[in-house]
Amino acid sequence: PTRSSLMTGRYPIHNGMQHYVILLNEPHGVPLSETFLPQLLKRYGYSTHAIGKWHLGFYEPEYTPCYRGFDTFFGYYQGSEDYYTHESGMNLTGWGLDFRRDRRLQSGKVDSQLVWNDNQTYSAQLFADEFDSIMESRDPVAGPFFVYLALQSVHAPQQVPQHYVDPYNRTIPDIDRRRYAGMVAA
């Protein structure tokens, strides 16, 4: 619900997202009648990029990021996924790769590709690398830009590289709480 409020500027009760999260096989999303923040920014010459978790609707292409005002998207559409394999199976009706690189073409169509080659790389690292890539490749005189970065952390499943957990070995006895602290640190 918070994500929909950020994108629309409206309370979830007014944008249809007040009840529960969008599940895998649910034909639901923020209504297409709602204008998203990047759609408004595009009117003022912004380039717009989304990285990370989408979870605002994906059952029809028009609900996905590049149809909602973003020039590019790198991340996943659903509510959660494995941090390393990038597979998702919310509500257990199916399981599969949900990791995408989308870009809006000059024609207005969207090129959407599954990302197969980043398996076993922690998502926070991939999202940080994507942000760095956008910043490094950006022409400073090209005009204003907006980057929406929605990190996966901290969200189930509890997964994090061990080197983020290790600093808490002496101070947090419970392994789940140590792992959680590591996820926050990542």
Protein backbone atom coordinates (compact mmCIF):
# COMPACT_ATOMS: atom_id res chain seq x y z
CA PRO A 1 0.00 0.00 0.00
CA THR A 2 2.80 2.48 0.80
CA ARG A 3 4.38 1.99 -2.61
CA SER A 4 1.09 2.82 -4.33
CA SER A 5 0.78 5.98 -2.24
CA LEU A 6 4.28 7.08 -3.18
CA MET A 7 3.58 6.57 -6.87
CA THR A 8 0.10 8.17 -6.93
CA GLY A 9 0.22 10.67 -4.08
CA ARG A 10 -3.01 9.17 -2.77
CA TYR A 11 -3.96 7.07 0.23
CA PRO A 12 -4.37 3.35 -0.57
CA ILE A 13 -8.10 3.60 0.16
CA HIS A 14 -8.33 5.94 -2.85
CA ASN A 15 -6.17 3.95 -5.27
CA GLY A 16 -7.57 0.47 -4.65
CA MET A 17 -4.60 -0.96 -2.75
CA GLN A 18 -5.97 -0.86 0.81
CA HIS A 19 -6.75 -4.53 1.38
CA TYR A 20 -3.80 -6.83 0.81
CA VAL A 21 -0.77 -7.31 -1.38
CA ILE A 22 -0.99 -8.44 -5.00
CA LEU A 23 -0.50 -12.18 -5.26
CA LEU A 24 1.02 -14.08 -8.17
CA ASN A 25 -2.14 -15.05 -10.04
CA GLU A 26 -4.27 -12.08 -9.07
CA PRO A 27 -5.65 -9.91 -11.89
CA HIS A 28 -5.12 -6.75 -9.87
CA GLY A 29 -2.95 -3.64 -9.78
CA VAL A 30 -3.07 0.08 -9.17
CA PRO A 31 -5.81 1.21 -11.58
CA LEU A 32 -4.59 2.50 -14.93
CA SER A 33 -6.66 5.63 -14.34
CA GLU A 34 -4.16 6.62 -11.62
CA THR A 35 -1.29 8.86 -12.76
CA PHE A 36 2.08 7.79 -11.40
CA LEU A 37 4.85 10.16 -10.28
CA PRO A 38 7.19 9.30 -13.19
CA GLN A 39 4.38 10.03 -15.66
CA LEU A 40 4.14 13.54 -14.21
CA LEU A 41 7.91 13.97 -14.21
CA LYS A 42 8.10 12.97 -17.89
CA ARG A 43 5.94 16.03 -18.68
CA TYR A 44 8.78 18.20 -17.31
CA GLY A 45 11.56 16.54 -19.26
CA TYR A 46 12.80 14.06 -16.68
CA SER A 47 14.38 10.76 -17.54
CA THR A 48 12.98 8.15 -15.16
CA HIS A 49 14.38 4.86 -13.91
CA ALA A 50 13.07 2.20 -11.52
CA ILE A 51 15.25 -0.35 -9.76
CA GLY A 52 14.18 -3.18 -7.45
CA LYS A 53 10.77 -4.23 -6.28
CA TRP A 54 7.72 -3.20 -8.34
CA HIS A 55 4.67 -4.96 -6.82
CA LEU A 56 2.11 -2.49 -8.19
CA GLY A 57 0.54 -4.77 -10.78
CA PHE A 58 1.89 -7.04 -13.49
CA TYR A 59 -0.92 -9.22 -14.82
CA GLU A 60 -1.14 -7.11 -18.00
CA PRO A 61 1.83 -5.29 -19.60
CA GLU A 62 0.15 -1.89 -19.09
CA TYR A 63 0.58 -2.30 -15.32
CA THR A 64 4.36 -2.71 -15.48
CA PRO A 65 6.92 0.06 -14.81
CA CYS A 66 7.74 1.22 -18.34
CA TYR A 67 4.06 1.62 -19.14
CA ARG A 68 3.61 3.65 -15.93
CA GLY A 69 6.16 6.34 -16.79
CA PHE A 70 9.58 4.79 -16.31
CA ASP A 71 12.11 4.79 -19.15
CA THR A 72 13.92 1.78 -17.69
CA PHE A 73 13.29 -0.88 -15.07
CA PHE A 74 15.66 -3.42 -13.52
CA GLY A 75 14.20 -5.69 -10.87
CA TYR A 76 11.23 -7.91 -10.15
CA TYR A 77 7.49 -7.46 -10.51
CA GLN A 78 6.19 -9.55 -7.61
CA GLY A 79 6.22 -9.00 -3.86
CA SER A 80 9.19 -11.16 -2.92
CA GLU A 81 11.77 -13.43 -4.43
CA ASP A 82 14.89 -15.37 -3.57
CA TYR A 83 17.75 -12.89 -3.07
CA TYR A 84 20.19 -15.04 -5.06
CA THR A 85 18.29 -17.06 -7.68
CA HIS A 86 15.72 -14.27 -8.24
CA GLU A 87 12.94 -16.83 -8.43
CA SER A 88 9.53 -16.10 -7.01
CA GLY A 89 6.48 -18.15 -6.18
CA MET A 90 4.21 -15.99 -4.07
CA ASN A 91 1.19 -18.00 -2.89
CA LEU A 92 2.77 -21.28 -4.04
CA THR A 93 0.84 -21.62 -7.31
CA GLY A 94 4.01 -21.42 -9.35
CA TRP A 95 7.71 -20.77 -9.08
CA GLY A 96 10.04 -19.21 -11.59
CA LEU A 97 12.44 -16.46 -12.51
CA ASP A 98 11.10 -12.98 -11.91
CA PHE A 99 14.05 -10.73 -12.71
CA ARG A 100 13.72 -8.31 -15.58
CA ARG A 101 15.33 -5.55 -17.56
CA ASP A 102 12.73 -3.40 -19.30
CA ARG A 103 13.15 -0.29 -21.41
CA ARG A 104 10.70 1.94 -23.14
CA LEU A 105 11.43 2.27 -26.85
CA GLN A 106 11.00 5.44 -28.93
CA SER A 107 7.92 3.82 -30.48
CA GLY A 108 6.27 3.68 -27.05
CA LYS A 109 6.49 -0.10 -26.91
CA VAL A 110 8.43 -1.80 -24.14
CA ASP A 111 11.29 -4.25 -24.56
CA SER A 112 11.13 -6.62 -21.57
CA GLN A 113 13.81 -9.23 -21.05
CA LEU A 114 14.23 -11.81 -18.32
CA VAL A 115 17.68 -11.52 -16.73
CA TRP A 116 19.21 -14.98 -16.74
CA ASN A 117 22.88 -14.16 -16.11
CA ASP A 118 22.77 -12.70 -12.58
CA ASN A 119 21.89 -15.93 -10.80
CA GLN A 120 23.62 -16.30 -7.41
CA THR A 121 24.38 -12.57 -7.08
CA TYR A 122 22.77 -10.93 -4.05
CA SER A 123 19.99 -8.59 -5.16
CA ALA A 124 21.13 -5.56 -3.12
CA GLN A 125 24.48 -5.71 -4.92
CA LEU A 126 22.79 -5.95 -8.32
CA PHE A 127 20.52 -3.00 -7.54
CA ALA A 128 23.46 -0.89 -6.30
CA ASP A 129 25.42 -1.76 -9.45
CA GLU A 130 22.46 -0.75 -11.63
CA PHE A 131 22.15 2.57 -9.80
CA ASP A 132 25.89 3.20 -10.27
CA SER A 133 25.58 2.34 -13.96
CA ILE A 134 22.75 4.86 -14.44
CA MET A 135 24.73 7.55 -12.65
CA GLU A 136 27.95 6.87 -14.55
CA SER A 137 26.33 6.72 -17.99
CA ARG A 138 24.18 9.79 -17.50
CA ASP A 139 24.97 12.93 -19.49
CA PRO A 140 25.03 15.75 -16.89
CA VAL A 141 23.53 18.25 -19.36
CA ALA A 142 20.76 15.90 -20.51
CA GLY A 143 18.23 17.35 -18.09
CA PRO A 144 16.70 16.26 -14.80
CA PHE A 145 16.32 12.64 -13.81
CA PHE A 146 14.51 10.54 -11.23
CA VAL A 147 15.60 7.14 -9.92
CA TYR A 148 13.18 5.07 -7.85
CA LEU A 149 15.23 2.52 -5.89
CA ALA A 150 13.15 -0.04 -3.98
CA LEU A 151 15.54 -2.43 -2.28
CA GLN A 152 14.36 -5.92 -1.50
CA SER A 153 15.81 -5.80 2.02
CA VAL A 154 14.44 -6.40 4.62
CA HIS A 155 11.87 -8.88 3.42
CA ALA A 156 11.36 -12.62 3.49
CA PRO A 157 13.15 -14.83 2.79
CA GLN A 158 15.88 -14.06 5.31
CA GLN A 159 18.97 -14.23 3.11
CA VAL A 160 22.17 -12.21 3.23
CA PRO A 161 25.86 -12.78 2.48
CA GLN A 162 27.64 -14.09 5.57
CA HIS A 163 30.08 -11.15 5.73
CA TYR A 164 27.12 -8.91 6.63
CA VAL A 165 26.10 -11.25 9.47
CA ASP A 166 29.56 -11.79 10.97
CA PRO A 167 29.92 -8.38 12.68
CA TYR A 168 26.93 -9.30 14.88
CA ASN A 169 28.17 -12.74 15.98
CA ARG A 170 29.26 -11.54 19.44
CA THR A 171 26.49 -9.05 20.11
CA ILE A 172 23.33 -10.81 18.89
CA PRO A 173 22.95 -14.41 20.09
CA ASP A 174 19.87 -15.34 18.03
CA ILE A 175 20.78 -16.33 14.44
CA ASP A 176 17.53 -14.98 12.96
CA ARG A 177 18.09 -11.58 14.57
CA ARG A 178 21.75 -11.62 13.43
CA ARG A 179 20.66 -12.40 9.90
CA TYR A 180 18.08 -9.62 10.06
CA ALA A 181 20.73 -7.17 11.24
CA GLY A 182 22.95 -8.30 8.37
CA MET A 183 20.12 -7.69 5.91
CA VAL A 184 19.69 -4.15 7.27
CA ALA A 185 23.43 -3.56 6.95
CA ALA A 186 23.53 -4.85 3.37
